C-alpha atoms as a PDB file:
ATOM      1  CA  UNK A   1     107.449 125.213  77.229  1.00  0.00           C
ATOM      2  CA  UNK A   2     110.042 122.425  76.978  1.00  0.00           C
ATOM      3  CA  UNK A   3     112.412 124.323  79.286  1.00  0.00           C
ATOM      4  CA  UNK A   4     109.646 124.721  81.891  1.00  0.00           C
ATOM      5  CA  UNK A   5     108.781 121.020  81.626  1.00  0.00           C
ATOM      6  CA  UNK A   6     112.399 120.026  82.235  1.00  0.00           C
ATOM      7  CA  UNK A   7     112.725 122.448  85.166  1.00  0.00           C
ATOM      8  CA  UNK A   8     109.601 121.043  86.822  1.00  0.00           C
ATOM      9  CA  UNK A   9     110.761 117.464  86.246  1.00  0.00           C
ATOM     10  CA  UNK A  10     114.139 118.221  87.831  1.00  0.00           C
ATOM     11  CA  UNK A  11     112.357 119.822  90.795  1.00  0.00           C
ATOM     12  CA  UNK A  12     110.213 116.698  91.129  1.00  0.00           C
ATOM     13  CA  UNK A  13     113.358 114.566  91.220  1.00  0.00           C
ATOM     14  CA  UNK A  14     114.998 116.802  93.823  1.00  0.00           C
ATOM     15  CA  UNK A  15     111.958 116.435  96.074  1.00  0.00           C
ATOM     16  CA  UNK A  16     112.225 112.655  95.696  1.00  0.00           C
ATOM     17  CA  UNK A  17     115.860 112.749  96.807  1.00  0.00           C
ATOM     18  CA  UNK A  18     114.903 115.033  99.697  1.00  0.00           C
ATOM     19  CA  UNK A  19     112.177 112.672 100.894  1.00  0.00           C
ATOM     20  CA  UNK A  20     114.499 109.692 101.313  1.00  0.00           C
ATOM     21  CA  UNK A  21     116.875 111.844 103.386  1.00  0.00           C
ATOM     22  CA  UNK A  22     114.346 113.251 105.884  1.00  0.00           C
ATOM     23  CA  UNK A  23     113.090 111.765 109.137  1.00  0.00           C
ATOM     24  CA  UNK A  24     110.637 114.527 110.159  1.00  0.00           C
ATOM     25  CA  UNK A  25     107.171 113.476 109.034  1.00  0.00           C
ATOM     26  CA  UNK A  26     105.889 117.046 108.887  1.00  0.00           C
ATOM     27  CA  UNK A  27     108.651 118.035 106.474  1.00  0.00           C
ATOM     28  CA  UNK A  28     107.984 114.919 104.396  1.00  0.00           C
ATOM     29  CA  UNK A  29     104.284 115.785 104.135  1.00  0.00           C
ATOM     30  CA  UNK A  30     105.112 119.331 103.021  1.00  0.00           C
ATOM     31  CA  UNK A  31     107.553 117.992 100.433  1.00  0.00           C
ATOM     32  CA  UNK A  32     104.888 115.734  98.942  1.00  0.00           C
ATOM     33  CA  UNK A  33     102.534 118.738  98.944  1.00  0.00           C
ATOM     34  CA  UNK A  34     105.155 120.626  96.920  1.00  0.00           C
ATOM     35  CA  UNK A  35     105.162 117.748  94.452  1.00  0.00           C
ATOM     36  CA  UNK A  36     101.438 118.294  93.965  1.00  0.00           C
ATOM     37  CA  UNK A  37     102.046 121.920  92.969  1.00  0.00           C
ATOM     38  CA  UNK A  38     104.815 120.824  90.608  1.00  0.00           C
ATOM     39  CA  UNK A  39     102.520 118.278  88.955  1.00  0.00           C
ATOM     40  CA  UNK A  40      99.749 120.845  88.567  1.00  0.00           C
ATOM     41  CA  UNK A  41     102.125 123.237  86.801  1.00  0.00           C
ATOM     42  CA  UNK A  42     103.515 120.354  84.747  1.00  0.00           C
ATOM     43  CA  UNK A  43      99.997 119.518  83.576  1.00  0.00           C
ATOM     44  CA  UNK A  44      99.652 123.049  82.175  1.00  0.00           C
ATOM     45  CA  UNK A  45     103.089 123.048  80.541  1.00  0.00           C
ATOM     46  CA  UNK A  46     102.715 119.740  78.684  1.00  0.00           C
ATOM     47  CA  UNK A  47      99.257 120.572  77.318  1.00  0.00           C
ATOM     48  CA  UNK A  48      99.755 124.076  75.853  1.00  0.00           C
ATOM     49  CA  UNK A  49      97.346 123.426  72.951  1.00  0.00           C
ATOM     50  CA  UNK A  50      94.599 121.734  74.969  1.00  0.00           C
ATOM     51  CA  UNK A  51      91.424 123.740  75.763  1.00  0.00           C
ATOM     52  CA  UNK A  52      92.046 125.836  78.877  1.00  0.00           C
ATOM     53  CA  UNK A  53      89.082 124.435  80.826  1.00  0.00           C
ATOM     54  CA  UNK A  54      90.469 120.904  80.498  1.00  0.00           C
ATOM     55  CA  UNK A  55      93.920 121.975  81.659  1.00  0.00           C
ATOM     56  CA  UNK A  56      92.660 124.088  84.538  1.00  0.00           C
ATOM     57  CA  UNK A  57      90.351 121.356  85.863  1.00  0.00           C
ATOM     58  CA  UNK A  58      93.058 118.715  85.749  1.00  0.00           C
ATOM     59  CA  UNK A  59      95.763 120.980  87.175  1.00  0.00           C
ATOM     60  CA  UNK A  60      93.398 122.322  89.823  1.00  0.00           C
ATOM     61  CA  UNK A  61      92.330 118.816  90.809  1.00  0.00           C
ATOM     62  CA  UNK A  62      95.957 117.741  91.124  1.00  0.00           C
ATOM     63  CA  UNK A  63      96.974 120.752  93.207  1.00  0.00           C
ATOM     64  CA  UNK A  64      93.821 120.672  95.328  1.00  0.00           C
ATOM     65  CA  UNK A  65      94.083 117.001  96.245  1.00  0.00           C
ATOM     66  CA  UNK A  66      97.848 116.495  96.339  1.00  0.00           C
ATOM     67  CA  UNK A  67      98.817 119.839  97.898  1.00  0.00           C
ATOM     68  CA  UNK A  68      95.865 120.591 100.182  1.00  0.00           C
ATOM     69  CA  UNK A  69      93.561 117.645 100.926  1.00  0.00           C
ATOM     70  CA  UNK A  70      96.140 114.863 101.252  1.00  0.00           C
ATOM     71  CA  UNK A  71      98.560 116.891 103.433  1.00  0.00           C
ATOM     72  CA  UNK A  72      95.671 117.902 105.705  1.00  0.00           C
ATOM     73  CA  UNK A  73      94.561 114.281 106.096  1.00  0.00           C
ATOM     74  CA  UNK A  74      98.088 113.040 106.773  1.00  0.00           C
ATOM     75  CA  UNK A  75      98.883 115.983 109.054  1.00  0.00           C
ATOM     76  CA  UNK A  76      95.813 115.180 111.120  1.00  0.00           C
ATOM     77  CA  UNK A  77      96.829 111.514 111.283  1.00  0.00           C
ATOM     78  CA  UNK A  78     100.303 112.583 112.431  1.00  0.00           C
ATOM     79  CA  UNK A  79      98.871 114.793 115.178  1.00  0.00           C
ATOM     80  CA  UNK A  80      96.392 112.130 116.328  1.00  0.00           C
ATOM     81  CA  UNK A  81      99.107 109.490 116.587  1.00  0.00           C
ATOM     82  CA  UNK A  82     101.642 111.885 118.205  1.00  0.00           C
ATOM     83  CA  UNK A  83     104.337 110.642 115.827  1.00  0.00           C
ATOM     84  CA  UNK A  84     106.785 113.257 114.547  1.00  0.00           C
ATOM     85  CA  UNK A  85     109.770 111.306 113.227  1.00  0.00           C
ATOM     86  CA  UNK A  86     110.572 108.171 111.275  1.00  0.00           C
ATOM     87  CA  UNK A  87     112.848 106.444 113.781  1.00  0.00           C
ATOM     88  CA  UNK A  88     115.068 103.507 112.801  1.00  0.00           C
ATOM     89  CA  UNK A  89     113.840 102.824 109.258  1.00  0.00           C
ATOM     90  CA  UNK A  90     114.646  99.465 107.723  1.00  0.00           C
ATOM     91  CA  UNK A  91     117.207 101.224 105.496  1.00  0.00           C
ATOM     92  CA  UNK A  92     119.300 104.057 106.968  1.00  0.00           C
ATOM     93  CA  UNK A  93     119.138 107.558 105.532  1.00  0.00           C
ATOM     94  CA  UNK A  94     122.667 107.534 104.118  1.00  0.00           C
ATOM     95  CA  UNK A  95     122.016 104.293 102.270  1.00  0.00           C
ATOM     96  CA  UNK A  96     118.587 105.589 101.212  1.00  0.00           C
ATOM     97  CA  UNK A  97     120.173 108.603  99.513  1.00  0.00           C
ATOM     98  CA  UNK A  98     122.611 106.284  97.733  1.00  0.00           C
ATOM     99  CA  UNK A  99     119.794 103.999  96.569  1.00  0.00           C
ATOM    100  CA  UNK A 100     117.743 106.945  95.296  1.00  0.00           C
ATOM    101  CA  UNK A 101     120.786 108.327  93.467  1.00  0.00           C
ATOM    102  CA  UNK A 102     121.539 104.947  91.875  1.00  0.00           C
ATOM    103  CA  UNK A 103     117.901 104.705  90.808  1.00  0.00           C
ATOM    104  CA  UNK A 104     118.485 107.649  88.444  1.00  0.00           C
ATOM    105  CA  UNK A 105     120.730 105.833  85.923  1.00  0.00           C
ATOM    106  CA  UNK A 106     118.491 102.783  86.215  1.00  0.00           C
ATOM    107  CA  UNK A 107     115.502 104.979  85.347  1.00  0.00           C
ATOM    108  CA  UNK A 108     117.288 106.437  82.326  1.00  0.00           C
ATOM    109  CA  UNK A 109     118.156 102.923  81.166  1.00  0.00           C
ATOM    110  CA  UNK A 110     114.546 101.770  81.564  1.00  0.00           C
ATOM    111  CA  UNK A 111     113.318 104.834  79.701  1.00  0.00           C
ATOM    112  CA  UNK A 112     115.654 104.152  76.794  1.00  0.00           C
ATOM    113  CA  UNK A 113     114.361 100.595  76.451  1.00  0.00           C
ATOM    114  CA  UNK A 114     110.682 101.472  76.037  1.00  0.00           C
ATOM    115  CA  UNK A 115     109.242 102.051  72.547  1.00  0.00           C
ATOM    116  CA  UNK A 116     107.184 105.124  73.423  1.00  0.00           C
ATOM    117  CA  UNK A 117     105.951 108.088  71.374  1.00  0.00           C
ATOM    118  CA  UNK A 118     108.194 111.126  71.375  1.00  0.00           C
ATOM    119  CA  UNK A 119     107.455 113.079  74.601  1.00  0.00           C
ATOM    120  CA  UNK A 120     107.698 116.835  75.190  1.00  0.00           C
ATOM    121  CA  UNK A 121     111.077 116.282  76.875  1.00  0.00           C
ATOM    122  CA  UNK A 122     113.572 113.425  76.943  1.00  0.00           C
ATOM    123  CA  UNK A 123     113.597 113.675  80.752  1.00  0.00           C
ATOM    124  CA  UNK A 124     109.912 112.827  81.159  1.00  0.00           C
ATOM    125  CA  UNK A 125     110.055 109.039  81.034  1.00  0.00           C
ATOM    126  CA  UNK A 126     113.271 108.544  83.095  1.00  0.00           C
ATOM    127  CA  UNK A 127     112.253 110.979  85.835  1.00  0.00           C
ATOM    128  CA  UNK A 128     108.718 109.571  85.973  1.00  0.00           C
ATOM    129  CA  UNK A 129     110.292 106.141  86.484  1.00  0.00           C
ATOM    130  CA  UNK A 130     112.541 107.594  89.179  1.00  0.00           C
ATOM    131  CA  UNK A 131     109.502 108.860  91.091  1.00  0.00           C
ATOM    132  CA  UNK A 132     107.886 105.421  90.805  1.00  0.00           C
ATOM    133  CA  UNK A 133     111.030 103.676  92.064  1.00  0.00           C
ATOM    134  CA  UNK A 134     111.433 106.191  94.894  1.00  0.00           C
ATOM    135  CA  UNK A 135     107.844 105.641  95.995  1.00  0.00           C
ATOM    136  CA  UNK A 136     108.306 101.873  96.015  1.00  0.00           C
ATOM    137  CA  UNK A 137     111.520 102.256  97.996  1.00  0.00           C
ATOM    138  CA  UNK A 138     109.833 104.445 100.627  1.00  0.00           C
ATOM    139  CA  UNK A 139     107.043 101.894 101.014  1.00  0.00           C
ATOM    140  CA  UNK A 140     109.381  98.968 101.684  1.00  0.00           C
ATOM    141  CA  UNK A 141     112.143 100.769 103.611  1.00  0.00           C
ATOM    142  CA  UNK A 142     110.170 102.718 106.235  1.00  0.00           C
ATOM    143  CA  UNK A 143     108.458 101.507 109.410  1.00  0.00           C
ATOM    144  CA  UNK A 144     105.831 104.201 110.008  1.00  0.00           C
ATOM    145  CA  UNK A 145     102.518 103.816 108.213  1.00  0.00           C
ATOM    146  CA  UNK A 146     102.401 107.559 107.460  1.00  0.00           C
ATOM    147  CA  UNK A 147     105.729 107.429 105.618  1.00  0.00           C
ATOM    148  CA  UNK A 148     104.530 104.406 103.674  1.00  0.00           C
ATOM    149  CA  UNK A 149     101.428 106.337 102.607  1.00  0.00           C
ATOM    150  CA  UNK A 150     103.717 109.149 101.452  1.00  0.00           C
ATOM    151  CA  UNK A 151     105.654 106.574  99.439  1.00  0.00           C
ATOM    152  CA  UNK A 152     102.400 105.467  97.857  1.00  0.00           C
ATOM    153  CA  UNK A 153     101.660 109.085  96.909  1.00  0.00           C
ATOM    154  CA  UNK A 154     105.136 109.526  95.385  1.00  0.00           C
ATOM    155  CA  UNK A 155     104.584 106.304  93.410  1.00  0.00           C
ATOM    156  CA  UNK A 156     101.264 107.652  92.129  1.00  0.00           C
ATOM    157  CA  UNK A 157     102.909 110.976  91.285  1.00  0.00           C
ATOM    158  CA  UNK A 158     105.336 109.127  89.040  1.00  0.00           C
ATOM    159  CA  UNK A 159     102.486 107.307  87.309  1.00  0.00           C
ATOM    160  CA  UNK A 160     100.583 110.602  86.959  1.00  0.00           C
ATOM    161  CA  UNK A 161     103.664 112.258  85.421  1.00  0.00           C
ATOM    162  CA  UNK A 162     104.044 109.390  82.981  1.00  0.00           C
ATOM    163  CA  UNK A 163     100.374 109.621  82.014  1.00  0.00           C
ATOM    164  CA  UNK A 164      99.926 113.361  81.527  1.00  0.00           C
ATOM    165  CA  UNK A 165     103.120 113.636  79.504  1.00  0.00           C
ATOM    166  CA  UNK A 166     102.637 110.683  77.165  1.00  0.00           C
ATOM    167  CA  UNK A 167      98.928 109.899  76.882  1.00  0.00           C
ATOM    168  CA  UNK A 168      97.705 112.831  74.842  1.00  0.00           C
ATOM    169  CA  UNK A 169      94.297 111.360  74.026  1.00  0.00           C
ATOM    170  CA  UNK A 170      93.164 110.473  77.550  1.00  0.00           C
ATOM    171  CA  UNK A 171      89.937 112.096  78.642  1.00  0.00           C
ATOM    172  CA  UNK A 172      89.412 114.451  81.544  1.00  0.00           C
ATOM    173  CA  UNK A 173      87.024 112.012  83.219  1.00  0.00           C
ATOM    174  CA  UNK A 174      89.610 109.228  83.242  1.00  0.00           C
ATOM    175  CA  UNK A 175      92.326 111.422  84.761  1.00  0.00           C
ATOM    176  CA  UNK A 176      89.999 112.954  87.349  1.00  0.00           C
ATOM    177  CA  UNK A 177      88.772 109.443  88.132  1.00  0.00           C
ATOM    178  CA  UNK A 178      92.352 108.444  88.959  1.00  0.00           C
ATOM    179  CA  UNK A 179      92.647 111.423  91.306  1.00  0.00           C
ATOM    180  CA  UNK A 180      89.387 110.400  92.997  1.00  0.00           C
ATOM    181  CA  UNK A 181      90.680 106.842  93.471  1.00  0.00           C
ATOM    182  CA  UNK A 182      93.824 108.192  95.119  1.00  0.00           C
ATOM    183  CA  UNK A 183      91.733 110.440  97.365  1.00  0.00           C
ATOM    184  CA  UNK A 184      89.668 107.475  98.565  1.00  0.00           C
ATOM    185  CA  UNK A 185      92.801 105.385  99.126  1.00  0.00           C
ATOM    186  CA  UNK A 186      94.536 108.077 101.213  1.00  0.00           C
ATOM    187  CA  UNK A 187      91.338 108.750 103.176  1.00  0.00           C
ATOM    188  CA  UNK A 188      91.010 105.060 104.045  1.00  0.00           C
ATOM    189  CA  UNK A 189      94.721 104.848 104.908  1.00  0.00           C
ATOM    190  CA  UNK A 190      94.385 107.826 107.265  1.00  0.00           C
ATOM    191  CA  UNK A 191      91.493 106.157 109.098  1.00  0.00           C
ATOM    192  CA  UNK A 192      93.443 102.900 109.271  1.00  0.00           C
ATOM    193  CA  UNK A 193      96.505 104.631 110.746  1.00  0.00           C
ATOM    194  CA  UNK A 194      94.339 106.253 113.417  1.00  0.00           C
ATOM    195  CA  UNK A 195      92.714 102.959 114.432  1.00  0.00           C
ATOM    196  CA  UNK A 196      96.044 101.098 114.451  1.00  0.00           C
ATOM    197  CA  UNK A 197      97.439 103.718 116.815  1.00  0.00           C
ATOM    198  CA  UNK A 198      94.327 103.596 119.030  1.00  0.00           C
ATOM    199  CA  UNK A 199      94.541  99.823 119.325  1.00  0.00           C
ATOM    200  CA  UNK A 200      98.295  99.255 119.582  1.00  0.00           C
ATOM    201  CA  UNK A 201      99.730 102.669 120.598  1.00  0.00           C
ATOM    202  CA  UNK A 202     102.104 102.678 117.616  1.00  0.00           C
ATOM    203  CA  UNK A 203     102.007 102.770 113.819  1.00  0.00           C
ATOM    204  CA  UNK A 204     105.065 100.593 113.109  1.00  0.00           C
ATOM    205  CA  UNK A 205     103.769  98.282 110.411  1.00  0.00           C
ATOM    206  CA  UNK A 206     106.539  95.719 110.915  1.00  0.00           C
ATOM    207  CA  UNK A 207     105.276  94.991 114.430  1.00  0.00           C
ATOM    208  CA  UNK A 208     101.881  93.997 113.023  1.00  0.00           C
ATOM    209  CA  UNK A 209     103.499  90.837 111.644  1.00  0.00           C
ATOM    210  CA  UNK A 210     103.773  89.574 115.221  1.00  0.00           C
ATOM    211  CA  UNK A 211      99.983  89.410 115.602  1.00  0.00           C
ATOM    212  CA  UNK A 212      98.456  85.976 116.124  1.00  0.00           C
ATOM    213  CA  UNK A 213      94.907  84.672 116.034  1.00  0.00           C
END
């Protein structure tokens, strides 16, 4: 199982690097949906001795929300706002790729400094940190609200990876509760994006700072 865990973690990291290099929102949404499938499979691989019902519910909840529900909500928001590309982000795509690449050694350094229990793979903690850092970077470096929501999802995916791989005693209700919280957050964000576009005819969050009483 360790080889499968490492393969899935590497795939998760590759999707992170892909996200910072893409401007098409539709492709970004599909990439985050792929991350949901990866996390569902990762849940099964890191809990081989856990009762199957527990694993299937958690993996199914992850895949269902992250790969189906969230992409549908964000795809609808994209169609309603008629926005297809992330144009002129705060940080250019070439620099974004460089930042994401440099975040890898930083993540490995952070992982080596934490006194954590021995995980199923030595890549778990560093690559979970990399997903968290990538999500934060997407949130602060992109103009479109949809891309920022995707960054929030990538950030949560990193936290989810960290949790399922290291917290062996967490209950199903706690983990499913986290997924429910994320669902509510993305649902509210989708409604907010729609109303921002209806009111201002754009979803560039930086332009909202120009609002006055």
